[in-house]
Amino acid sequence: MARAKKEKRAKKVPSKKYTFYGINVKVRSEEKKGEALYLDVFQRLYDTVGKGVHISKDKGMAVKSHNVQKLEEDNNEISVITGTIVRYELSDGDAWYNDEKREVQKVDLPKNVHPGTVETEYVFIPSAHRFYFLTNSRISKLQLLSFFKLALPKAINENQDFEVDIITGSDAITRILTADKLKSLKIHVSYSNDDLNDKSIELVDKMVKDTLAKSLDLNFQSKKSMDLNQKSELIEGALGLAKENGSATAKIVEGNKTKTVHTVDYPKKTDIIRPKDEPFIGVLRAFAKKIFNEYRNIKN
């Protein structure tokens, strides 16, 4: 009997943990809604921005591949987009240094060919409008955020609008709300797609929607003799909304030290454990189902 148990333990399949960062990609449209809207926008993102956008004076990014798949999950058919995004160096071929000849020379590079290319695979879940990539990606979260902000205007219609935000972890919000003192707080928020599960957050979300504004910037400054009230329903709700629908910067006091907290520096990490020998495309599909269920449960 003991021998049978040992053999059973020996057959355990080796596993591997994958950790992802996420970006909330929201498109506002009166023409299409839900999954159909995001399938259309991401197809146009691939078609129209295939040659890339300049995210800085020396770097460009482009969607290298785009694959739409249908998955079954609890009698639901969900669409999932997987693919690869690349980042590359921008160079005009001037002023290259030849270390063998110890001279500066001009190099004529082929057109549409870029050096220093790195890539990252991604998964996008249209029904949740969330974009995910591995935390150890060589393309940073801020570079991906810049890419979407520059590329989406080329992929949407004139009467459509968008917001993109890094999904923030709870650590940043907790640190702000539990600091010894909160001296100042700046919050940028846009309204959600009704995927919230907290009354205070829903209250602020409704306030933003009622203004009919695209987004809202809140600036809290403490009085000289008093600190901000961290238990304020407005502050708690706005910070909660900013976790996935905005960002915040706070000046806090911890002990005797004044520190600045930027929520974008605390991205949420979402893990999934899969068989070690599973192809990565299988990992992405399983992760997509996990995210689909997470946001479906919130909405329900």
C-alpha atoms as a PDB file:
ATOM      1  CA  MET A   1       0.000   0.000   0.000  1.00  0.00           C
ATOM      2  CA  ALA A   2       2.806   2.410   0.952  1.00  0.00           C
ATOM      3  CA  ARG A   3       4.607   1.510  -2.267  1.00  0.00           C
ATOM      4  CA  ALA A   4       1.506   2.315  -4.324  1.00  0.00           C
ATOM      5  CA  LYS A   5       1.264   5.737  -2.658  1.00  0.00           C
ATOM      6  CA  LYS A   6       4.915   6.487  -3.474  1.00  0.00           C
ATOM      7  CA  GLU A   7       4.365   5.549  -7.120  1.00  0.00           C
ATOM      8  CA  LYS A   8       1.302   7.804  -7.230  1.00  0.00           C
ATOM      9  CA  ARG A   9       3.297  10.733  -5.856  1.00  0.00           C
ATOM     10  CA  ALA A  10       6.074  10.057  -8.362  1.00  0.00           C
ATOM     11  CA  LYS A  11       3.640  10.484 -11.257  1.00  0.00           C
ATOM     12  CA  LYS A  12       2.791  14.057 -10.261  1.00  0.00           C
ATOM     13  CA  VAL A  13       3.035  16.306 -13.328  1.00  0.00           C
ATOM     14  CA  PRO A  14       5.695  19.054 -12.976  1.00  0.00           C
ATOM     15  CA  SER A  15       4.113  22.495 -12.988  1.00  0.00           C
ATOM     16  CA  LYS A  16       5.177  26.075 -13.685  1.00  0.00           C
ATOM     17  CA  LYS A  17       3.844  29.401 -12.462  1.00  0.00           C
ATOM     18  CA  TYR A  18       3.272  32.219 -14.947  1.00  0.00           C
ATOM     19  CA  THR A  19       2.727  35.792 -13.755  1.00  0.00           C
ATOM     20  CA  PHE A  20       1.014  38.466 -15.835  1.00  0.00           C
ATOM     21  CA  TYR A  21       0.504  42.243 -15.764  1.00  0.00           C
ATOM     22  CA  GLY A  22      -2.686  43.694 -17.188  1.00  0.00           C
ATOM     23  CA  ILE A  23      -3.904  46.795 -19.011  1.00  0.00           C
ATOM     24  CA  ASN A  24      -7.542  47.875 -19.077  1.00  0.00           C
ATOM     25  CA  VAL A  25      -8.370  48.947 -22.654  1.00  0.00           C
ATOM     26  CA  LYS A  26     -11.715  50.778 -22.821  1.00  0.00           C
ATOM     27  CA  VAL A  27     -13.261  52.009 -26.057  1.00  0.00           C
ATOM     28  CA  ARG A  28     -16.401  54.178 -25.984  1.00  0.00           C
ATOM     29  CA  SER A  29     -18.683  53.676 -28.962  1.00  0.00           C
ATOM     30  CA  GLU A  30     -22.335  54.163 -29.839  1.00  0.00           C
ATOM     31  CA  GLU A  31     -22.064  51.897 -32.891  1.00  0.00           C
ATOM     32  CA  LYS A  32     -20.915  48.614 -31.365  1.00  0.00           C
ATOM     33  CA  LYS A  33     -20.748  47.256 -27.843  1.00  0.00           C
ATOM     34  CA  GLY A  34     -19.067  44.466 -25.921  1.00  0.00           C
ATOM     35  CA  GLU A  35     -17.055  41.735 -27.534  1.00  0.00           C
ATOM     36  CA  ALA A  36     -17.883  42.750 -31.111  1.00  0.00           C
ATOM     37  CA  LEU A  37     -16.517  46.263 -30.525  1.00  0.00           C
ATOM     38  CA  TYR A  38     -13.156  45.053 -29.226  1.00  0.00           C
ATOM     39  CA  LEU A  39     -12.748  42.381 -31.888  1.00  0.00           C
ATOM     40  CA  ASP A  40     -13.227  45.102 -34.498  1.00  0.00           C
ATOM     41  CA  VAL A  41     -10.866  47.601 -32.831  1.00  0.00           C
ATOM     42  CA  PHE A  42      -8.058  45.075 -32.341  1.00  0.00           C
ATOM     43  CA  GLN A  43      -8.394  43.887 -35.934  1.00  0.00           C
ATOM     44  CA  ARG A  44      -8.044  47.483 -37.109  1.00  0.00           C
ATOM     45  CA  LEU A  45      -5.159  47.972 -34.682  1.00  0.00           C
ATOM     46  CA  TYR A  46      -3.364  45.113 -36.411  1.00  0.00           C
ATOM     47  CA  ASP A  47      -4.328  46.193 -39.939  1.00  0.00           C
ATOM     48  CA  THR A  48      -3.651  49.930 -39.675  1.00  0.00           C
ATOM     49  CA  VAL A  49      -0.774  50.011 -37.195  1.00  0.00           C
ATOM     50  CA  GLY A  50       1.016  46.945 -38.498  1.00  0.00           C
ATOM     51  CA  LYS A  51       4.031  49.047 -39.451  1.00  0.00           C
ATOM     52  CA  GLY A  52       4.201  50.486 -35.983  1.00  0.00           C
ATOM     53  CA  VAL A  53       4.186  53.789 -34.116  1.00  0.00           C
ATOM     54  CA  HIS A  54       7.045  55.764 -32.582  1.00  0.00           C
ATOM     55  CA  ILE A  55       6.717  55.621 -28.802  1.00  0.00           C
ATOM     56  CA  SER A  56       9.833  57.771 -28.349  1.00  0.00           C
ATOM     57  CA  LYS A  57      12.479  59.417 -30.501  1.00  0.00           C
ATOM     58  CA  ASP A  58      14.521  56.200 -30.656  1.00  0.00           C
ATOM     59  CA  LYS A  59      11.952  53.383 -30.250  1.00  0.00           C
ATOM     60  CA  GLY A  60       8.979  52.079 -32.194  1.00  0.00           C
ATOM     61  CA  MET A  61       6.406  49.358 -31.532  1.00  0.00           C
ATOM     62  CA  ALA A  62       4.109  47.288 -33.722  1.00  0.00           C
ATOM     63  CA  VAL A  63       1.654  44.386 -33.587  1.00  0.00           C
ATOM     64  CA  LYS A  64       3.531  41.520 -35.225  1.00  0.00           C
ATOM     65  CA  SER A  65       0.780  38.880 -35.077  1.00  0.00           C
ATOM     66  CA  HIS A  66      -2.942  38.749 -34.287  1.00  0.00           C
ATOM     67  CA  ASN A  67      -4.944  35.527 -33.883  1.00  0.00           C
ATOM     68  CA  VAL A  68      -8.619  35.278 -32.936  1.00  0.00           C
ATOM     69  CA  GLN A  69      -9.788  32.049 -31.319  1.00  0.00           C
ATOM     70  CA  LYS A  70     -13.067  30.758 -29.911  1.00  0.00           C
ATOM     71  CA  LEU A  71     -12.963  28.939 -26.582  1.00  0.00           C
ATOM     72  CA  GLU A  72     -15.639  27.031 -24.678  1.00  0.00           C
ATOM     73  CA  GLU A  73     -16.054  27.794 -20.972  1.00  0.00           C
ATOM     74  CA  ASP A  74     -19.033  26.594 -18.911  1.00  0.00           C
ATOM     75  CA  ASN A  75     -21.319  26.462 -21.962  1.00  0.00           C
ATOM     76  CA  ASN A  76     -20.149  29.928 -23.025  1.00  0.00           C
ATOM     77  CA  GLU A  77     -18.278  30.621 -26.240  1.00  0.00           C
ATOM     78  CA  ILE A  78     -15.708  33.355 -25.661  1.00  0.00           C
ATOM     79  CA  SER A  79     -13.437  35.105 -28.128  1.00  0.00           C
ATOM     80  CA  VAL A  80      -9.755  35.433 -27.286  1.00  0.00           C
ATOM     81  CA  ILE A  81      -7.021  37.270 -29.167  1.00  0.00           C
ATOM     82  CA  THR A  82      -3.422  36.109 -28.876  1.00  0.00           C
ATOM     83  CA  GLY A  83      -0.392  37.464 -30.658  1.00  0.00           C
ATOM     84  CA  THR A  84       2.959  39.189 -30.451  1.00  0.00           C
ATOM     85  CA  ILE A  85       3.936  42.827 -30.027  1.00  0.00           C
ATOM     86  CA  VAL A  86       7.460  43.987 -30.939  1.00  0.00           C
ATOM     87  CA  ARG A  87       9.604  46.919 -29.887  1.00  0.00           C
ATOM     88  CA  TYR A  88      12.533  48.018 -32.024  1.00  0.00           C
ATOM     89  CA  GLU A  89      15.192  50.704 -32.300  1.00  0.00           C
ATOM     90  CA  LEU A  90      14.790  53.601 -34.717  1.00  0.00           C
ATOM     91  CA  SER A  91      17.879  54.519 -36.708  1.00  0.00           C
ATOM     92  CA  ASP A  92      18.563  56.524 -39.850  1.00  0.00           C
ATOM     93  CA  GLY A  93      21.926  54.835 -40.476  1.00  0.00           C
ATOM     94  CA  ASP A  94      24.032  57.925 -39.755  1.00  0.00           C
ATOM     95  CA  ALA A  95      27.022  58.155 -37.437  1.00  0.00           C
ATOM     96  CA  TRP A  96      27.817  54.475 -36.830  1.00  0.00           C
ATOM     97  CA  TYR A  97      31.131  53.780 -35.114  1.00  0.00           C
ATOM     98  CA  ASN A  98      33.454  51.151 -36.610  1.00  0.00           C
ATOM     99  CA  ASP A  99      35.545  49.983 -33.641  1.00  0.00           C
ATOM    100  CA  GLU A 100      37.967  48.036 -35.857  1.00  0.00           C
ATOM    101  CA  LYS A 101      38.807  51.007 -38.081  1.00  0.00           C
ATOM    102  CA  ARG A 102      38.196  53.489 -35.250  1.00  0.00           C
ATOM    103  CA  GLU A 103      36.152  55.764 -37.421  1.00  0.00           C
ATOM    104  CA  VAL A 104      32.615  57.051 -37.755  1.00  0.00           C
ATOM    105  CA  GLN A 105      30.879  55.992 -40.915  1.00  0.00           C
ATOM    106  CA  LYS A 106      27.448  55.981 -42.506  1.00  0.00           C
ATOM    107  CA  VAL A 107      25.643  52.658 -42.906  1.00  0.00           C
ATOM    108  CA  ASP A 108      22.791  52.326 -45.391  1.00  0.00           C
ATOM    109  CA  LEU A 109      20.171  50.097 -43.785  1.00  0.00           C
ATOM    110  CA  PRO A 110      17.397  48.410 -45.803  1.00  0.00           C
ATOM    111  CA  LYS A 111      14.087  50.232 -45.640  1.00  0.00           C
ATOM    112  CA  ASN A 112      11.529  48.969 -43.092  1.00  0.00           C
ATOM    113  CA  VAL A 113      14.179  46.959 -41.224  1.00  0.00           C
ATOM    114  CA  HIS A 114      14.888  47.885 -37.609  1.00  0.00           C
ATOM    115  CA  PRO A 115      17.635  46.709 -35.221  1.00  0.00           C
ATOM    116  CA  GLY A 116      17.365  45.805 -31.547  1.00  0.00           C
ATOM    117  CA  THR A 117      14.007  44.074 -31.810  1.00  0.00           C
ATOM    118  CA  VAL A 118      12.436  42.392 -28.788  1.00  0.00           C
ATOM    119  CA  GLU A 119       8.971  40.857 -28.602  1.00  0.00           C
ATOM    120  CA  THR A 120       6.366  39.746 -26.118  1.00  0.00           C
ATOM    121  CA  GLU A 121       3.358  37.492 -26.494  1.00  0.00           C
ATOM    122  CA  TYR A 122       0.020  38.742 -25.269  1.00  0.00           C
ATOM    123  CA  VAL A 123      -3.547  37.663 -24.678  1.00  0.00           C
ATOM    124  CA  PHE A 124      -6.561  39.979 -24.940  1.00  0.00           C
ATOM    125  CA  ILE A 125     -10.013  39.051 -23.677  1.00  0.00           C
ATOM    126  CA  PRO A 126     -12.549  41.202 -25.594  1.00  0.00           C
ATOM    127  CA  SER A 127     -15.485  40.513 -23.264  1.00  0.00           C
ATOM    128  CA  ALA A 128     -13.428  41.846 -20.325  1.00  0.00           C
ATOM    129  CA  HIS A 129     -11.447  44.361 -22.468  1.00  0.00           C
ATOM    130  CA  ARG A 130      -8.271  43.358 -20.614  1.00  0.00           C
ATOM    131  CA  PHE A 131      -4.841  42.927 -22.205  1.00  0.00           C
ATOM    132  CA  TYR A 132      -2.218  40.746 -20.447  1.00  0.00           C
ATOM    133  CA  PHE A 133       1.482  40.032 -20.869  1.00  0.00           C
ATOM    134  CA  LEU A 134       4.161  38.282 -18.804  1.00  0.00           C
ATOM    135  CA  THR A 135       5.800  40.282 -16.018  1.00  0.00           C
ATOM    136  CA  ASN A 136       9.270  39.260 -17.235  1.00  0.00           C
ATOM    137  CA  SER A 137       8.615  40.718 -20.684  1.00  0.00           C
ATOM    138  CA  ARG A 138      11.441  42.807 -22.139  1.00  0.00           C
ATOM    139  CA  ILE A 139       8.810  45.334 -23.195  1.00  0.00           C
ATOM    140  CA  SER A 140       7.794  47.339 -20.138  1.00  0.00           C
ATOM    141  CA  LYS A 141       4.261  48.081 -18.969  1.00  0.00           C
ATOM    142  CA  LEU A 142       4.788  51.810 -19.537  1.00  0.00           C
ATOM    143  CA  GLN A 143       5.976  51.201 -23.113  1.00  0.00           C
ATOM    144  CA  LEU A 144       2.864  49.120 -23.796  1.00  0.00           C
ATOM    145  CA  LEU A 145       0.708  51.844 -22.255  1.00  0.00           C
ATOM    146  CA  SER A 146       2.365  54.420 -24.539  1.00  0.00           C
ATOM    147  CA  PHE A 147       1.834  52.146 -27.528  1.00  0.00           C
ATOM    148  CA  PHE A 148      -1.911  51.909 -26.942  1.00  0.00           C
ATOM    149  CA  LYS A 149      -2.258  55.658 -26.344  1.00  0.00           C
ATOM    150  CA  LEU A 150      -0.512  56.394 -29.652  1.00  0.00           C
ATOM    151  CA  ALA A 151      -1.892  53.507 -31.727  1.00  0.00           C
ATOM    152  CA  LEU A 152      -5.566  53.437 -30.740  1.00  0.00           C
ATOM    153  CA  PRO A 153      -6.398  56.851 -32.283  1.00  0.00           C
ATOM    154  CA  LYS A 154      -5.354  55.335 -35.621  1.00  0.00           C
ATOM    155  CA  ALA A 155      -7.641  52.329 -35.121  1.00  0.00           C
ATOM    156  CA  ILE A 156     -10.902  53.888 -33.924  1.00  0.00           C
ATOM    157  CA  ASN A 157     -13.528  56.029 -35.644  1.00  0.00           C
ATOM    158  CA  GLU A 158     -13.894  59.773 -35.158  1.00  0.00           C
ATOM    159  CA  ASN A 159     -16.942  59.318 -32.950  1.00  0.00           C
ATOM    160  CA  GLN A 160     -15.227  56.742 -30.734  1.00  0.00           C
ATOM    161  CA  ASP A 161     -13.002  57.428 -27.744  1.00  0.00           C
ATOM    162  CA  PHE A 162     -10.764  55.395 -25.466  1.00  0.00           C
ATOM    163  CA  GLU A 163      -8.962  55.144 -22.130  1.00  0.00           C
ATOM    164  CA  VAL A 164      -6.119  52.788 -21.224  1.00  0.00           C
ATOM    165  CA  ASP A 165      -4.890  52.135 -17.694  1.00  0.00           C
ATOM    166  CA  ILE A 166      -2.418  49.812 -16.015  1.00  0.00           C
ATOM    167  CA  ILE A 167      -4.298  47.501 -13.643  1.00  0.00           C
ATOM    168  CA  THR A 168      -2.987  48.362 -10.182  1.00  0.00           C
ATOM    169  CA  GLY A 169      -2.540  45.990  -7.275  1.00  0.00           C
ATOM    170  CA  SER A 170      -4.079  46.530  -3.854  1.00  0.00           C
ATOM    171  CA  ASP A 171      -0.679  47.246  -2.244  1.00  0.00           C
ATOM    172  CA  ALA A 172      -0.514  50.836  -3.524  1.00  0.00           C
ATOM    173  CA  ILE A 173      -4.047  51.671  -2.390  1.00  0.00           C
ATOM    174  CA  THR A 174      -3.513  50.066   1.011  1.00  0.00           C
ATOM    175  CA  ARG A 175      -0.260  51.959   1.504  1.00  0.00           C
ATOM    176  CA  ILE A 176      -1.972  55.287   0.802  1.00  0.00           C
ATOM    177  CA  LEU A 177      -4.991  54.562   3.021  1.00  0.00           C
ATOM    178  CA  THR A 178      -2.960  53.222   5.958  1.00  0.00           C
ATOM    179  CA  ALA A 179      -0.098  55.744   5.933  1.00  0.00           C
ATOM    180  CA  ASP A 180       0.487  57.728   9.125  1.00  0.00           C
ATOM    181  CA  LYS A 181      -0.496  60.874   7.258  1.00  0.00           C
ATOM    182  CA  LEU A 182      -1.913  61.691   3.851  1.00  0.00           C
ATOM    183  CA  LYS A 183      -0.749  65.171   2.809  1.00  0.00           C
ATOM    184  CA  SER A 184      -1.933  65.341  -0.793  1.00  0.00           C
ATOM    185  CA  LEU A 185      -3.597  63.124  -3.362  1.00  0.00           C
ATOM    186  CA  LYS A 186      -4.105  63.430  -7.120  1.00  0.00           C
ATOM    187  CA  ILE A 187      -6.416  60.937  -8.810  1.00  0.00           C
ATOM    188  CA  HIS A 188      -7.253  60.537 -12.489  1.00  0.00           C
ATOM    189  CA  VAL A 189     -10.294  58.338 -13.136  1.00  0.00           C
ATOM    190  CA  SER A 190     -12.582  57.455 -15.985  1.00  0.00           C
ATOM    191  CA  TYR A 191     -15.869  55.637 -15.592  1.00  0.00           C
ATOM    192  CA  SER A 192     -15.965  51.866 -15.671  1.00  0.00           C
ATOM    193  CA  ASN A 193     -17.832  49.386 -17.857  1.00  0.00           C
ATOM    194  CA  ASP A 194     -19.912  48.314 -14.840  1.00  0.00           C
ATOM    195  CA  ASP A 195     -17.380  45.707 -13.686  1.00  0.00           C
ATOM    196  CA  LEU A 196     -17.173  46.826 -10.051  1.00  0.00           C
ATOM    197  CA  ASN A 197     -18.040  45.099  -6.774  1.00  0.00           C
ATOM    198  CA  ASP A 198     -17.704  47.765  -4.083  1.00  0.00           C
ATOM    199  CA  LYS A 199     -20.374  50.281  -3.028  1.00  0.00           C
ATOM    200  CA  SER A 200     -17.970  53.190  -2.445  1.00  0.00           C
ATOM    201  CA  ILE A 201     -16.320  52.618  -5.817  1.00  0.00           C
ATOM    202  CA  GLU A 202     -19.707  52.311  -7.534  1.00  0.00           C
ATOM    203  CA  LEU A 203     -20.772  55.617  -5.954  1.00  0.00           C
ATOM    204  CA  VAL A 204     -17.772  57.504  -7.379  1.00  0.00           C
ATOM    205  CA  ASP A 205     -18.168  55.694 -10.703  1.00  0.00           C
ATOM    206  CA  LYS A 206     -21.781  56.915 -10.886  1.00  0.00           C
ATOM    207  CA  MET A 207     -20.667  60.467 -10.051  1.00  0.00           C
ATOM    208  CA  VAL A 208     -18.199  60.411 -12.948  1.00  0.00           C
ATOM    209  CA  LYS A 209     -20.823  59.012 -15.331  1.00  0.00           C
ATOM    210  CA  ASP A 210     -23.395  61.607 -14.258  1.00  0.00           C
ATOM    211  CA  THR A 211     -21.069  64.433 -15.316  1.00  0.00           C
ATOM    212  CA  LEU A 212     -20.986  62.989 -18.876  1.00  0.00           C
ATOM    213  CA  ALA A 213     -17.234  63.648 -18.802  1.00  0.00           C
ATOM    214  CA  LYS A 214     -14.710  61.310 -20.409  1.00  0.00           C
ATOM    215  CA  SER A 215     -12.542  61.385 -17.275  1.00  0.00           C
ATOM    216  CA  LEU A 216     -12.116  63.261 -14.032  1.00  0.00           C
ATOM    217  CA  ASP A 217      -9.063  64.663 -12.235  1.00  0.00           C
ATOM    218  CA  LEU A 218      -9.338  65.044  -8.465  1.00  0.00           C
ATOM    219  CA  ASN A 219      -6.789  67.090  -6.523  1.00  0.00           C
ATOM    220  CA  PHE A 220      -6.906  66.787  -2.729  1.00  0.00           C
ATOM    221  CA  GLN A 221      -4.700  69.186  -0.738  1.00  0.00           C
ATOM    222  CA  SER A 222      -4.605  69.067   3.065  1.00  0.00           C
ATOM    223  CA  LYS A 223      -5.024  72.119   5.280  1.00  0.00           C
ATOM    224  CA  LYS A 224      -1.926  73.432   7.050  1.00  0.00           C
ATOM    225  CA  SER A 225      -3.108  72.150  10.411  1.00  0.00           C
ATOM    226  CA  MET A 226      -4.849  68.961   9.276  1.00  0.00           C
ATOM    227  CA  ASP A 227      -4.176  65.895   7.148  1.00  0.00           C
ATOM    228  CA  LEU A 228      -6.546  64.414   4.606  1.00  0.00           C
ATOM    229  CA  ASN A 229      -9.161  62.014   5.930  1.00  0.00           C
ATOM    230  CA  GLN A 230      -8.209  58.599   4.567  1.00  0.00           C
ATOM    231  CA  LYS A 231     -11.583  57.199   5.652  1.00  0.00           C
ATOM    232  CA  SER A 232     -13.450  59.622   3.431  1.00  0.00           C
ATOM    233  CA  GLU A 233     -15.888  57.743   1.214  1.00  0.00           C
ATOM    234  CA  LEU A 234     -14.881  59.947  -1.725  1.00  0.00           C
ATOM    235  CA  ILE A 235     -11.159  59.215  -1.304  1.00  0.00           C
ATOM    236  CA  GLU A 236     -11.685  55.488  -0.752  1.00  0.00           C
ATOM    237  CA  GLY A 237     -14.082  55.218  -3.666  1.00  0.00           C
ATOM    238  CA  ALA A 238     -11.938  57.245  -6.073  1.00  0.00           C
ATOM    239  CA  LEU A 239      -8.814  55.253  -5.202  1.00  0.00           C
ATOM    240  CA  GLY A 240     -10.742  52.026  -5.643  1.00  0.00           C
ATOM    241  CA  LEU A 241     -11.997  53.147  -9.050  1.00  0.00           C
ATOM    242  CA  ALA A 242      -8.458  54.177 -10.055  1.00  0.00           C
ATOM    243  CA  LYS A 243      -7.167  50.626  -9.498  1.00  0.00           C
ATOM    244  CA  GLU A 244      -8.392  49.582 -12.946  1.00  0.00           C
ATOM    245  CA  ASN A 245      -9.816  52.798 -14.348  1.00  0.00           C
ATOM    246  CA  GLY A 246      -7.184  55.440 -13.712  1.00  0.00           C
ATOM    247  CA  SER A 247      -4.122  56.254 -11.618  1.00  0.00           C
ATOM    248  CA  ALA A 248      -3.159  58.152  -8.482  1.00  0.00           C
ATOM    249  CA  THR A 249      -0.202  59.962  -6.937  1.00  0.00           C
ATOM    250  CA  ALA A 250      -0.080  60.529  -3.184  1.00  0.00           C
ATOM    251  CA  LYS A 251       2.263  62.322  -0.803  1.00  0.00           C
ATOM    252  CA  ILE A 252       2.266  60.378   2.453  1.00  0.00           C
ATOM    253  CA  VAL A 253       4.160  60.341   5.738  1.00  0.00           C
ATOM    254  CA  GLU A 254       5.476  57.027   7.080  1.00  0.00           C
ATOM    255  CA  GLY A 255       7.227  57.438  10.412  1.00  0.00           C
ATOM    256  CA  ASN A 256       9.161  60.670  10.024  1.00  0.00           C
ATOM    257  CA  LYS A 257       9.677  60.345   6.265  1.00  0.00           C
ATOM    258  CA  THR A 258       7.622  61.965   3.528  1.00  0.00           C
ATOM    259  CA  LYS A 259       7.244  59.741   0.479  1.00  0.00           C
ATOM    260  CA  THR A 260       5.499  59.870  -2.869  1.00  0.00           C
ATOM    261  CA  VAL A 261       3.454  56.892  -4.061  1.00  0.00           C
ATOM    262  CA  HIS A 262       2.575  56.422  -7.744  1.00  0.00           C
ATOM    263  CA  THR A 263       0.022  53.656  -8.248  1.00  0.00           C
ATOM    264  CA  VAL A 264       1.432  52.799 -11.704  1.00  0.00           C
ATOM    265  CA  ASP A 265       4.547  51.574  -9.899  1.00  0.00           C
ATOM    266  CA  TYR A 266       2.436  48.864  -8.218  1.00  0.00           C
ATOM    267  CA  PRO A 267       0.893  46.857 -11.068  1.00  0.00           C
ATOM    268  CA  LYS A 268      -1.346  43.950 -10.146  1.00  0.00           C
ATOM    269  CA  LYS A 269       0.215  40.528 -10.625  1.00  0.00           C
ATOM    270  CA  THR A 270      -2.076  37.690 -11.708  1.00  0.00           C
ATOM    271  CA  ASP A 271      -0.731  34.130 -11.545  1.00  0.00           C
ATOM    272  CA  ILE A 272      -1.663  30.865 -13.175  1.00  0.00           C
ATOM    273  CA  ILE A 273      -0.060  27.453 -12.619  1.00  0.00           C
ATOM    274  CA  ARG A 274       0.077  25.098 -15.571  1.00  0.00           C
ATOM    275  CA  PRO A 275       1.860  21.852 -16.542  1.00  0.00           C
ATOM    276  CA  LYS A 276       5.511  22.658 -17.177  1.00  0.00           C
ATOM    277  CA  ASP A 277       5.570  21.058 -20.637  1.00  0.00           C
ATOM    278  CA  GLU A 278       2.361  22.755 -21.853  1.00  0.00           C
ATOM    279  CA  PRO A 279       2.866  24.905 -24.982  1.00  0.00           C
ATOM    280  CA  PHE A 280       2.635  28.619 -24.174  1.00  0.00           C
ATOM    281  CA  ILE A 281      -0.425  29.065 -26.369  1.00  0.00           C
ATOM    282  CA  GLY A 282      -2.195  26.617 -24.046  1.00  0.00           C
ATOM    283  CA  VAL A 283      -1.137  28.712 -21.064  1.00  0.00           C
ATOM    284  CA  LEU A 284      -2.592  31.826 -22.704  1.00  0.00           C
ATOM    285  CA  ARG A 285      -5.895  30.070 -23.410  1.00  0.00           C
ATOM    286  CA  ALA A 286      -6.177  28.826 -19.829  1.00  0.00           C
ATOM    287  CA  PHE A 287      -5.324  32.289 -18.517  1.00  0.00           C
ATOM    288  CA  ALA A 288      -7.977  33.857 -20.760  1.00  0.00           C
ATOM    289  CA  LYS A 289     -10.611  31.552 -19.263  1.00  0.00           C
ATOM    290  CA  LYS A 290      -9.452  32.516 -15.765  1.00  0.00           C
ATOM    291  CA  ILE A 291      -9.855  36.228 -16.521  1.00  0.00           C
ATOM    292  CA  PHE A 292     -13.203  35.674 -18.265  1.00  0.00           C
ATOM    293  CA  ASN A 293     -14.585  33.947 -15.167  1.00  0.00           C
ATOM    294  CA  GLU A 294     -13.148  36.576 -12.825  1.00  0.00           C
ATOM    295  CA  TYR A 295     -14.913  39.479 -14.539  1.00  0.00           C
ATOM    296  CA  ARG A 296     -18.053  37.489 -15.293  1.00  0.00           C
ATOM    297  CA  ASN A 297     -18.432  36.805 -11.564  1.00  0.00           C
ATOM    298  CA  ILE A 298     -18.035  40.511 -10.775  1.00  0.00           C
ATOM    299  CA  LYS A 299     -20.727  41.507 -13.258  1.00  0.00           C
ATOM    300  CA  ASN A 300     -23.048  38.791 -11.964  1.00  0.00           C
END
